[in-house]
PDB file of N, CA and C in Angstrom:
ATOM      1  N   MET A   1      -6.731   3.429 -18.350  1.00  0.00           N
ATOM      2  CA  MET A   1      -6.537   2.925 -17.000  1.00  0.00           C
ATOM      3  C   MET A   1      -6.072   4.050 -16.073  1.00  0.00           C
ATOM      4  N   SER A   2      -6.246   3.813 -14.799  1.00  0.00           N
ATOM      5  CA  SER A   2      -5.905   4.841 -13.816  1.00  0.00           C
ATOM      6  C   SER A   2      -4.402   4.856 -13.518  1.00  0.00           C
ATOM      7  N   ILE A   3      -3.985   5.926 -12.906  1.00  0.00           N
ATOM      8  CA  ILE A   3      -2.580   6.062 -12.516  1.00  0.00           C
ATOM      9  C   ILE A   3      -2.199   4.961 -11.532  1.00  0.00           C
ATOM     10  N   ALA A   4      -3.059   4.703 -10.552  1.00  0.00           N
ATOM     11  CA  ALA A   4      -2.750   3.673  -9.548  1.00  0.00           C
ATOM     12  C   ALA A   4      -2.696   2.289 -10.177  1.00  0.00           C
ATOM     13  N   TYR A   5      -3.599   1.996 -11.092  1.00  0.00           N
ATOM     14  CA  TYR A   5      -3.603   0.713 -11.801  1.00  0.00           C
ATOM     15  C   TYR A   5      -2.258   0.523 -12.512  1.00  0.00           C
ATOM     16  N   ASN A   6      -1.872   1.516 -13.294  1.00  0.00           N
ATOM     17  CA  ASN A   6      -0.596   1.441 -14.016  1.00  0.00           C
ATOM     18  C   ASN A   6       0.590   1.367 -13.069  1.00  0.00           C
ATOM     19  N   ALA A   7       0.486   2.053 -11.941  1.00  0.00           N
ATOM     20  CA  ALA A   7       1.575   2.046 -10.964  1.00  0.00           C
ATOM     21  C   ALA A   7       1.771   0.659 -10.359  1.00  0.00           C
ATOM     22  N   VAL A   8       0.682  -0.029 -10.052  1.00  0.00           N
ATOM     23  CA  VAL A   8       0.784  -1.382  -9.488  1.00  0.00           C
ATOM     24  C   VAL A   8       1.402  -2.324 -10.525  1.00  0.00           C
ATOM     25  N   LYS A   9       0.989  -2.193 -11.776  1.00  0.00           N
ATOM     26  CA  LYS A   9       1.556  -3.031 -12.845  1.00  0.00           C
ATOM     27  C   LYS A   9       3.066  -2.778 -12.988  1.00  0.00           C
ATOM     28  N   ARG A  10       3.461  -1.510 -12.924  1.00  0.00           N
ATOM     29  CA  ARG A  10       4.883  -1.161 -13.017  1.00  0.00           C
ATOM     30  C   ARG A  10       5.654  -1.687 -11.809  1.00  0.00           C
ATOM     31  N   LEU A  11       5.065  -1.543 -10.634  1.00  0.00           N
ATOM     32  CA  LEU A  11       5.696  -2.039  -9.412  1.00  0.00           C
ATOM     33  C   LEU A  11       5.909  -3.552  -9.494  1.00  0.00           C
ATOM     34  N   ALA A  12       4.953  -4.259 -10.080  1.00  0.00           N
ATOM     35  CA  ALA A  12       5.064  -5.713 -10.228  1.00  0.00           C
ATOM     36  C   ALA A  12       6.273  -6.095 -11.079  1.00  0.00           C
ATOM     37  N   ARG A  13       6.592  -5.279 -12.055  1.00  0.00           N
ATOM     38  CA  ARG A  13       7.771  -5.535 -12.898  1.00  0.00           C
ATOM     39  C   ARG A  13       9.070  -5.126 -12.205  1.00  0.00           C
ATOM     40  N   GLU A  14       9.041  -3.978 -11.540  1.00  0.00           N
ATOM     41  CA  GLU A  14      10.268  -3.395 -10.998  1.00  0.00           C
ATOM     42  C   GLU A  14      10.593  -3.848  -9.572  1.00  0.00           C
ATOM     43  N   LYS A  15       9.574  -4.022  -8.748  1.00  0.00           N
ATOM     44  CA  LYS A  15       9.775  -4.383  -7.337  1.00  0.00           C
ATOM     45  C   LYS A  15       8.695  -5.363  -6.888  1.00  0.00           C
ATOM     46  N   PRO A  16       8.685  -6.581  -7.440  1.00  0.00           N
ATOM     47  CA  PRO A  16       7.613  -7.528  -7.130  1.00  0.00           C
ATOM     48  C   PRO A  16       7.498  -7.894  -5.651  1.00  0.00           C
ATOM     49  N   SER A  17       8.572  -7.761  -4.910  1.00  0.00           N
ATOM     50  CA  SER A  17       8.517  -8.086  -3.475  1.00  0.00           C
ATOM     51  C   SER A  17       7.607  -7.130  -2.704  1.00  0.00           C
ATOM     52  N   TRP A  18       7.228  -6.011  -3.307  1.00  0.00           N
ATOM     53  CA  TRP A  18       6.350  -5.038  -2.663  1.00  0.00           C
ATOM     54  C   TRP A  18       4.873  -5.358  -2.856  1.00  0.00           C
ATOM     55  N   LEU A  19       4.536  -6.323  -3.702  1.00  0.00           N
ATOM     56  CA  LEU A  19       3.118  -6.633  -3.940  1.00  0.00           C
ATOM     57  C   LEU A  19       2.373  -7.087  -2.686  1.00  0.00           C
ATOM     58  N   PRO A  20       2.963  -7.916  -1.811  1.00  0.00           N
ATOM     59  CA  PRO A  20       2.247  -8.242  -0.573  1.00  0.00           C
ATOM     60  C   PRO A  20       1.965  -7.007   0.291  1.00  0.00           C
ATOM     61  N   ILE A  21       2.856  -6.038   0.237  1.00  0.00           N
ATOM     62  CA  ILE A  21       2.671  -4.802   0.999  1.00  0.00           C
ATOM     63  C   ILE A  21       1.526  -3.992   0.397  1.00  0.00           C
ATOM     64  N   VAL A  22       1.453  -3.954  -0.932  1.00  0.00           N
ATOM     65  CA  VAL A  22       0.344  -3.258  -1.595  1.00  0.00           C
ATOM     66  C   VAL A  22      -0.980  -3.913  -1.216  1.00  0.00           C
ATOM     67  N   LYS A  23      -0.996  -5.235  -1.196  1.00  0.00           N
ATOM     68  CA  LYS A  23      -2.218  -5.953  -0.838  1.00  0.00           C
ATOM     69  C   LYS A  23      -2.635  -5.635   0.601  1.00  0.00           C
ATOM     70  N   ALA A  24      -1.667  -5.567   1.515  1.00  0.00           N
ATOM     71  CA  ALA A  24      -1.955  -5.213   2.911  1.00  0.00           C
ATOM     72  C   ALA A  24      -2.454  -3.766   3.001  1.00  0.00           C
ATOM     73  N   CYS A  25      -1.885  -2.876   2.198  1.00  0.00           N
ATOM     74  CA  CYS A  25      -2.353  -1.488   2.161  1.00  0.00           C
ATOM     75  C   CYS A  25      -3.791  -1.421   1.668  1.00  0.00           C
ATOM     76  N   LEU A  26      -4.090  -2.215   0.646  1.00  0.00           N
ATOM     77  CA  LEU A  26      -5.451  -2.259   0.114  1.00  0.00           C
ATOM     78  C   LEU A  26      -6.433  -2.701   1.194  1.00  0.00           C
ATOM     79  N   GLN A  27      -6.068  -3.719   1.936  1.00  0.00           N
ATOM     80  CA  GLN A  27      -6.930  -4.199   3.014  1.00  0.00           C
ATOM     81  C   GLN A  27      -7.148  -3.115   4.060  1.00  0.00           C
ATOM     82  N   GLU A  28      -6.081  -2.438   4.454  1.00  0.00           N
ATOM     83  CA  GLU A  28      -6.202  -1.354   5.447  1.00  0.00           C
ATOM     84  C   GLU A  28      -7.038  -0.205   4.908  1.00  0.00           C
ATOM     85  N   ALA A  29      -6.859   0.131   3.628  1.00  0.00           N
ATOM     86  CA  ALA A  29      -7.624   1.229   3.039  1.00  0.00           C
ATOM     87  C   ALA A  29      -9.109   0.912   3.039  1.00  0.00           C
ATOM     88  N   LYS A  30      -9.454  -0.325   2.754  1.00  0.00           N
ATOM     89  CA  LYS A  30     -10.864  -0.726   2.745  1.00  0.00           C
ATOM     90  C   LYS A  30     -11.443  -0.724   4.156  1.00  0.00           C
ATOM     91  N   GLU A  31     -10.674  -1.233   5.108  1.00  0.00           N
ATOM     92  CA  GLU A  31     -11.171  -1.318   6.488  1.00  0.00           C
ATOM     93  C   GLU A  31     -11.281   0.043   7.147  1.00  0.00           C
ATOM     94  N   SER A  32     -10.306   0.900   6.909  1.00  0.00           N
ATOM     95  CA  SER A  32     -10.294   2.201   7.585  1.00  0.00           C
ATOM     96  C   SER A  32     -11.224   3.212   6.925  1.00  0.00           C
ATOM     97  N   LYS A  33     -11.502   3.024   5.642  1.00  0.00           N
ATOM     98  CA  LYS A  33     -12.319   3.972   4.872  1.00  0.00           C
ATOM     99  C   LYS A  33     -11.791   5.392   5.016  1.00  0.00           C
ATOM    100  N   GLY A  34     -10.491   5.505   5.050  1.00  0.00           N
ATOM    101  CA  GLY A  34      -9.850   6.806   5.188  1.00  0.00           C
ATOM    102  C   GLY A  34      -8.365   6.614   5.391  1.00  0.00           C
ATOM    103  N   GLU A  35      -7.838   7.329   6.354  1.00  0.00           N
ATOM    104  CA  GLU A  35      -6.406   7.256   6.623  1.00  0.00           C
ATOM    105  C   GLU A  35      -6.053   5.988   7.392  1.00  0.00           C
ATOM    106  N   PHE A  36      -4.853   5.485   7.117  1.00  0.00           N
ATOM    107  CA  PHE A  36      -4.336   4.344   7.863  1.00  0.00           C
ATOM    108  C   PHE A  36      -2.849   4.555   8.087  1.00  0.00           C
ATOM    109  N   ALA A  37      -2.356   3.973   9.170  1.00  0.00           N
ATOM    110  CA  ALA A  37      -0.949   4.123   9.537  1.00  0.00           C
ATOM    111  C   ALA A  37      -0.107   3.039   8.875  1.00  0.00           C
ATOM    112  N   GLY A  38       1.117   3.386   8.547  1.00  0.00           N
ATOM    113  CA  GLY A  38       2.042   2.410   7.987  1.00  0.00           C
ATOM    114  C   GLY A  38       2.262   1.239   8.928  1.00  0.00           C
ATOM    115  N   ALA A  39       2.242   1.487  10.230  1.00  0.00           N
ATOM    116  CA  ALA A  39       2.421   0.422  11.224  1.00  0.00           C
ATOM    117  C   ALA A  39       1.281  -0.589  11.153  1.00  0.00           C
ATOM    118  N   TRP A  40       0.087  -0.120  10.822  1.00  0.00           N
ATOM    119  CA  TRP A  40      -1.055  -1.028  10.700  1.00  0.00           C
ATOM    120  C   TRP A  40      -0.860  -1.965   9.508  1.00  0.00           C
ATOM    121  N   VAL A  41      -0.252  -1.439   8.448  1.00  0.00           N
ATOM    122  CA  VAL A  41      -0.002  -2.248   7.254  1.00  0.00           C
ATOM    123  C   VAL A  41       0.957  -3.385   7.598  1.00  0.00           C
ATOM    124  N   LEU A  42       1.992  -3.080   8.344  1.00  0.00           N
ATOM    125  CA  LEU A  42       2.958  -4.110   8.750  1.00  0.00           C
ATOM    126  C   LEU A  42       2.261  -5.184   9.580  1.00  0.00           C
ATOM    127  N   GLU A  43       1.395  -4.773  10.468  1.00  0.00           N
ATOM    128  CA  GLU A  43       0.649  -5.716  11.302  1.00  0.00           C
ATOM    129  C   GLU A  43      -0.258  -6.612  10.436  1.00  0.00           C
ATOM    130  N   THR A  44      -0.943  -6.020   9.486  1.00  0.00           N
ATOM    131  CA  THR A  44      -1.815  -6.773   8.574  1.00  0.00           C
ATOM    132  C   THR A  44      -0.988  -7.742   7.733  1.00  0.00           C
ATOM    133  N   LEU A  45       0.151  -7.288   7.264  1.00  0.00           N
ATOM    134  CA  LEU A  45       1.037  -8.135   6.459  1.00  0.00           C
ATOM    135  C   LEU A  45       1.492  -9.354   7.256  1.00  0.00           C
ATOM    136  N   ASN A  46       1.890  -9.145   8.480  1.00  0.00           N
ATOM    137  CA  ASN A  46       2.367 -10.250   9.317  1.00  0.00           C
ATOM    138  C   ASN A  46       1.242 -11.207   9.695  1.00  0.00           C
ATOM    139  N   LYS A  47       0.034 -10.697   9.911  1.00  0.00           N
ATOM    140  CA  LYS A  47      -1.110 -11.550  10.233  1.00  0.00           C
ATOM    141  C   LYS A  47      -1.499 -12.440   9.066  1.00  0.00           C
ATOM    142  N   SER A  48      -1.293 -11.941   7.851  1.00  0.00           N
ATOM    143  CA  SER A  48      -1.691 -12.697   6.661  1.00  0.00           C
ATOM    144  C   SER A  48      -0.622 -13.693   6.227  1.00  0.00           C
ATOM    145  N   GLY A  49       0.404 -13.854   7.031  1.00  0.00           N
ATOM    146  CA  GLY A  49       1.442 -14.823   6.702  1.00  0.00           C
ATOM    147  C   GLY A  49       2.613 -14.233   5.951  1.00  0.00           C
ATOM    148  N   GLY A  50       2.542 -12.939   5.659  1.00  0.00           N
ATOM    149  CA  GLY A  50       3.659 -12.275   4.990  1.00  0.00           C
ATOM    150  C   GLY A  50       4.831 -12.145   5.939  1.00  0.00           C
ATOM    151  N   LYS A  51       5.981 -12.047   5.374  1.00  0.00           N
ATOM    152  CA  LYS A  51       7.180 -11.922   6.198  1.00  0.00           C
ATOM    153  C   LYS A  51       7.819 -10.576   5.936  1.00  0.00           C
ATOM    154  N   GLY A  52       8.593 -10.189   6.899  1.00  0.00           N
ATOM    155  CA  GLY A  52       9.434  -9.042   6.636  1.00  0.00           C
ATOM    156  C   GLY A  52       9.073  -7.787   7.381  1.00  0.00           C
ATOM    157  N   TRP A  53       9.799  -6.786   6.995  1.00  0.00           N
ATOM    158  CA  TRP A  53       9.700  -5.472   7.592  1.00  0.00           C
ATOM    159  C   TRP A  53      10.052  -4.480   6.507  1.00  0.00           C
ATOM    160  N   PHE A  54       9.442  -3.338   6.526  1.00  0.00           N
ATOM    161  CA  PHE A  54       9.780  -2.275   5.589  1.00  0.00           C
ATOM    162  C   PHE A  54       9.899  -0.990   6.391  1.00  0.00           C
ATOM    163  N   PRO A  55      10.833  -0.140   6.033  1.00  0.00           N
ATOM    164  CA  PRO A  55      11.062   1.065   6.833  1.00  0.00           C
ATOM    165  C   PRO A  55       9.931   2.089   6.721  1.00  0.00           C
ATOM    166  N   ASN A  56       9.309   2.166   5.554  1.00  0.00           N
ATOM    167  CA  ASN A  56       8.214   3.112   5.346  1.00  0.00           C
ATOM    168  C   ASN A  56       7.539   2.791   4.019  1.00  0.00           C
ATOM    169  N   LEU A  57       6.513   3.523   3.715  1.00  0.00           N
ATOM    170  CA  LEU A  57       5.755   3.278   2.490  1.00  0.00           C
ATOM    171  C   LEU A  57       6.045   4.318   1.408  1.00  0.00           C
ATOM    172  N   ARG A  58       7.140   5.028   1.541  1.00  0.00           N
ATOM    173  CA  ARG A  58       7.482   6.068   0.565  1.00  0.00           C
ATOM    174  C   ARG A  58       7.564   5.563  -0.870  1.00  0.00           C
ATOM    175  N   PRO A  59       8.095   4.358  -1.110  1.00  0.00           N
ATOM    176  CA  PRO A  59       8.109   3.895  -2.508  1.00  0.00           C
ATOM    177  C   PRO A  59       6.702   3.825  -3.120  1.00  0.00           C
ATOM    178  N   LEU A  60       5.713   3.450  -2.326  1.00  0.00           N
ATOM    179  CA  LEU A  60       4.351   3.374  -2.844  1.00  0.00           C
ATOM    180  C   LEU A  60       3.763   4.758  -3.084  1.00  0.00           C
ATOM    181  N   VAL A  61       4.221   5.735  -2.311  1.00  0.00           N
ATOM    182  CA  VAL A  61       3.825   7.122  -2.550  1.00  0.00           C
ATOM    183  C   VAL A  61       4.469   7.607  -3.853  1.00  0.00           C
ATOM    184  N   ALA A  62       5.744   7.280  -4.034  1.00  0.00           N
ATOM    185  CA  ALA A  62       6.458   7.702  -5.240  1.00  0.00           C
ATOM    186  C   ALA A  62       5.829   7.099  -6.498  1.00  0.00           C
ATOM    187  N   TYR A  63       5.345   5.889  -6.412  1.00  0.00           N
ATOM    188  CA  TYR A  63       4.698   5.245  -7.554  1.00  0.00           C
ATOM    189  C   TYR A  63       3.295   5.797  -7.811  1.00  0.00           C
ATOM    190  N   GLY A  64       2.706   6.456  -6.827  1.00  0.00           N
ATOM    191  CA  GLY A  64       1.360   6.997  -6.978  1.00  0.00           C
ATOM    192  C   GLY A  64       0.264   6.073  -6.493  1.00  0.00           C
ATOM    193  N   ILE A  65       0.646   5.045  -5.737  1.00  0.00           N
ATOM    194  CA  ILE A  65      -0.328   4.093  -5.215  1.00  0.00           C
ATOM    195  C   ILE A  65      -0.957   4.620  -3.928  1.00  0.00           C
ATOM    196  N   LEU A  66      -0.134   5.251  -3.104  1.00  0.00           N
ATOM    197  CA  LEU A  66      -0.595   5.847  -1.852  1.00  0.00           C
ATOM    198  C   LEU A  66      -0.336   7.344  -1.851  1.00  0.00           C
ATOM    199  N   LYS A  67      -1.018   8.022  -0.946  1.00  0.00           N
ATOM    200  CA  LYS A  67      -0.781   9.450  -0.725  1.00  0.00           C
ATOM    201  C   LYS A  67      -0.462   9.640   0.752  1.00  0.00           C
ATOM    202  N   HIS A  68       0.652  10.304   1.026  1.00  0.00           N
ATOM    203  CA  HIS A  68       1.032  10.594   2.411  1.00  0.00           C
ATOM    204  C   HIS A  68       0.154  11.736   2.908  1.00  0.00           C
ATOM    205  N   GLU A  69      -0.471  11.532   4.064  1.00  0.00           N
ATOM    206  CA  GLU A  69      -1.380  12.534   4.609  1.00  0.00           C
ATOM    207  C   GLU A  69      -0.766  13.337   5.749  1.00  0.00           C
ATOM    208  N   GLN A  70      -0.216  12.651   6.738  1.00  0.00           N
ATOM    209  CA  GLN A  70       0.344  13.340   7.898  1.00  0.00           C
ATOM    210  C   GLN A  70       1.295  12.428   8.649  1.00  0.00           C
ATOM    211  N   THR A  71       2.088  13.035   9.498  1.00  0.00           N
ATOM    212  CA  THR A  71       2.984  12.292  10.370  1.00  0.00           C
ATOM    213  C   THR A  71       2.753  12.786  11.788  1.00  0.00           C
ATOM    214  N   THR A  72       2.621  11.837  12.742  1.00  0.00           N
ATOM    215  CA  THR A  72       2.371  12.198  14.131  1.00  0.00           C
ATOM    216  C   THR A  72       3.304  11.406  15.028  1.00  0.00           C
ATOM    217  N   ARG A  73       3.039  11.497  16.312  1.00  0.00           N
ATOM    218  CA  ARG A  73       3.848  10.824  17.340  1.00  0.00           C
ATOM    219  C   ARG A  73       5.327  11.186  17.218  1.00  0.00           C
ATOM    220  N   GLY A  74       5.573  12.459  17.173  1.00  0.00           N
ATOM    221  CA  GLY A  74       6.947  12.930  17.116  1.00  0.00           C
ATOM    222  C   GLY A  74       7.653  12.535  15.830  1.00  0.00           C
ATOM    223  N   GLY A  75       6.894  12.426  14.748  1.00  0.00           N
ATOM    224  CA  GLY A  75       7.480  12.076  13.470  1.00  0.00           C
ATOM    225  C   GLY A  75       7.687  10.590  13.275  1.00  0.00           C
ATOM    226  N   ARG A  76       7.097   9.780  14.158  1.00  0.00           N
ATOM    227  CA  ARG A  76       7.343   8.337  14.096  1.00  0.00           C
ATOM    228  C   ARG A  76       6.205   7.527  13.514  1.00  0.00           C
ATOM    229  N   ARG A  77       5.059   8.127  13.248  1.00  0.00           N
ATOM    230  CA  ARG A  77       3.952   7.379  12.652  1.00  0.00           C
ATOM    231  C   ARG A  77       3.376   8.187  11.492  1.00  0.00           C
ATOM    232  N   ALA A  78       3.431   7.588  10.307  1.00  0.00           N
ATOM    233  CA  ALA A  78       2.920   8.243   9.108  1.00  0.00           C
ATOM    234  C   ALA A  78       1.557   7.655   8.748  1.00  0.00           C
ATOM    235  N   TYR A  79       0.697   8.517   8.262  1.00  0.00           N
ATOM    236  CA  TYR A  79      -0.637   8.110   7.833  1.00  0.00           C
ATOM    237  C   TYR A  79      -0.777   8.322   6.332  1.00  0.00           C
ATOM    238  N   TYR A  80      -1.495   7.393   5.693  1.00  0.00           N
ATOM    239  CA  TYR A  80      -1.641   7.386   4.245  1.00  0.00           C
ATOM    240  C   TYR A  80      -3.094   7.186   3.858  1.00  0.00           C
ATOM    241  N   THR A  81      -3.402   7.515   2.615  1.00  0.00           N
ATOM    242  CA  THR A  81      -4.671   7.148   1.996  1.00  0.00           C
ATOM    243  C   THR A  81      -4.344   6.489   0.667  1.00  0.00           C
ATOM    244  N   MET A  82      -5.308   5.732   0.166  1.00  0.00           N
ATOM    245  CA  MET A  82      -5.181   5.105  -1.147  1.00  0.00           C
ATOM    246  C   MET A  82      -6.261   5.757  -2.019  1.00  0.00           C
ATOM    247  N   PRO A  83      -5.857   6.744  -2.838  1.00  0.00           N
ATOM    248  CA  PRO A  83      -6.839   7.497  -3.616  1.00  0.00           C
ATOM    249  C   PRO A  83      -7.654   6.669  -4.613  1.00  0.00           C
ATOM    250  N   ASP A  84      -7.090   5.590  -5.148  1.00  0.00           N
ATOM    251  CA  ASP A  84      -7.795   4.801  -6.159  1.00  0.00           C
ATOM    252  C   ASP A  84      -7.816   3.322  -5.762  1.00  0.00           C
ATOM    253  N   ILE A  85      -8.664   2.996  -4.811  1.00  0.00           N
ATOM    254  CA  ILE A  85      -8.761   1.624  -4.316  1.00  0.00           C
ATOM    255  C   ILE A  85      -9.150   0.670  -5.447  1.00  0.00           C
ATOM    256  N   GLN A  86     -10.092   1.079  -6.287  1.00  0.00           N
ATOM    257  CA  GLN A  86     -10.570   0.205  -7.360  1.00  0.00           C
ATOM    258  C   GLN A  86      -9.462  -0.106  -8.370  1.00  0.00           C
ATOM    259  N   GLY A  87      -8.661   0.887  -8.722  1.00  0.00           N
ATOM    260  CA  GLY A  87      -7.570   0.677  -9.673  1.00  0.00           C
ATOM    261  C   GLY A  87      -6.522  -0.278  -9.128  1.00  0.00           C
ATOM    262  N   VAL A  88      -6.183  -0.119  -7.859  1.00  0.00           N
ATOM    263  CA  VAL A  88      -5.205  -1.005  -7.213  1.00  0.00           C
ATOM    264  C   VAL A  88      -5.755  -2.423  -7.150  1.00  0.00           C
ATOM    265  N   GLU A  89      -7.010  -2.538  -6.763  1.00  0.00           N
ATOM    266  CA  GLU A  89      -7.635  -3.849  -6.637  1.00  0.00           C
ATOM    267  C   GLU A  89      -7.695  -4.566  -7.998  1.00  0.00           C
ATOM    268  N   LYS A  90      -8.048  -3.843  -9.032  1.00  0.00           N
ATOM    269  CA  LYS A  90      -8.133  -4.427 -10.376  1.00  0.00           C
ATOM    270  C   LYS A  90      -6.756  -4.921 -10.831  1.00  0.00           C
ATOM    271  N   ALA A  91      -5.728  -4.129 -10.625  1.00  0.00           N
ATOM    272  CA  ALA A  91      -4.370  -4.526 -11.027  1.00  0.00           C
ATOM    273  C   ALA A  91      -3.913  -5.771 -10.270  1.00  0.00           C
ATOM    274  N   LEU A  92      -4.160  -5.819  -8.965  1.00  0.00           N
ATOM    275  CA  LEU A  92      -3.756  -6.985  -8.177  1.00  0.00           C
ATOM    276  C   LEU A  92      -4.502  -8.230  -8.647  1.00  0.00           C
ATOM    277  N   LYS A  93      -5.778  -8.104  -8.974  1.00  0.00           N
ATOM    278  CA  LYS A  93      -6.544  -9.250  -9.471  1.00  0.00           C
ATOM    279  C   LYS A  93      -5.980  -9.742 -10.795  1.00  0.00           C
ATOM    280  N   GLU A  94      -5.644  -8.828 -11.685  1.00  0.00           N
ATOM    281  CA  GLU A  94      -5.084  -9.222 -12.977  1.00  0.00           C
ATOM    282  C   GLU A  94      -3.708  -9.888 -12.825  1.00  0.00           C
ATOM    283  N   LEU A  95      -3.011  -9.510 -11.770  1.00  0.00           N
ATOM    284  CA  LEU A  95      -1.706 -10.118 -11.497  1.00  0.00           C
ATOM    285  C   LEU A  95      -1.851 -11.422 -10.699  1.00  0.00           C
ATOM    286  N   ASN A  96      -3.114 -11.828 -10.474  1.00  0.00           N
ATOM    287  CA  ASN A  96      -3.405 -13.027  -9.663  1.00  0.00           C
ATOM    288  C   ASN A  96      -2.772 -12.940  -8.285  1.00  0.00           C
ATOM    289  N   PHE A  97      -2.878 -11.768  -7.702  1.00  0.00           N
ATOM    290  CA  PHE A  97      -2.283 -11.550  -6.390  1.00  0.00           C
ATOM    291  C   PHE A  97      -3.342 -11.238  -5.379  1.00  0.00           C
TER     292      PHE A  97
END
């Protein structure tokens, strides 16, 4: 299995509250076909009925699910990519998420 697949499975055990955020990231990664902003993920999460706020996506970078690409707007907007969309998607499906 891929690193991202294993990372999502581990995240589900250690920080299950982050799974809706991973799902929103997956949606943004598919739609953008490249880089996406963390702010867009929050917007997608809220549109899909998810609740909450997260300060940044660094935990998902640390797990290996996302890769930080750049920061703009005076350091206030970070952009990410999801290197293994298929691995993340497969793990979420197996978790029935």
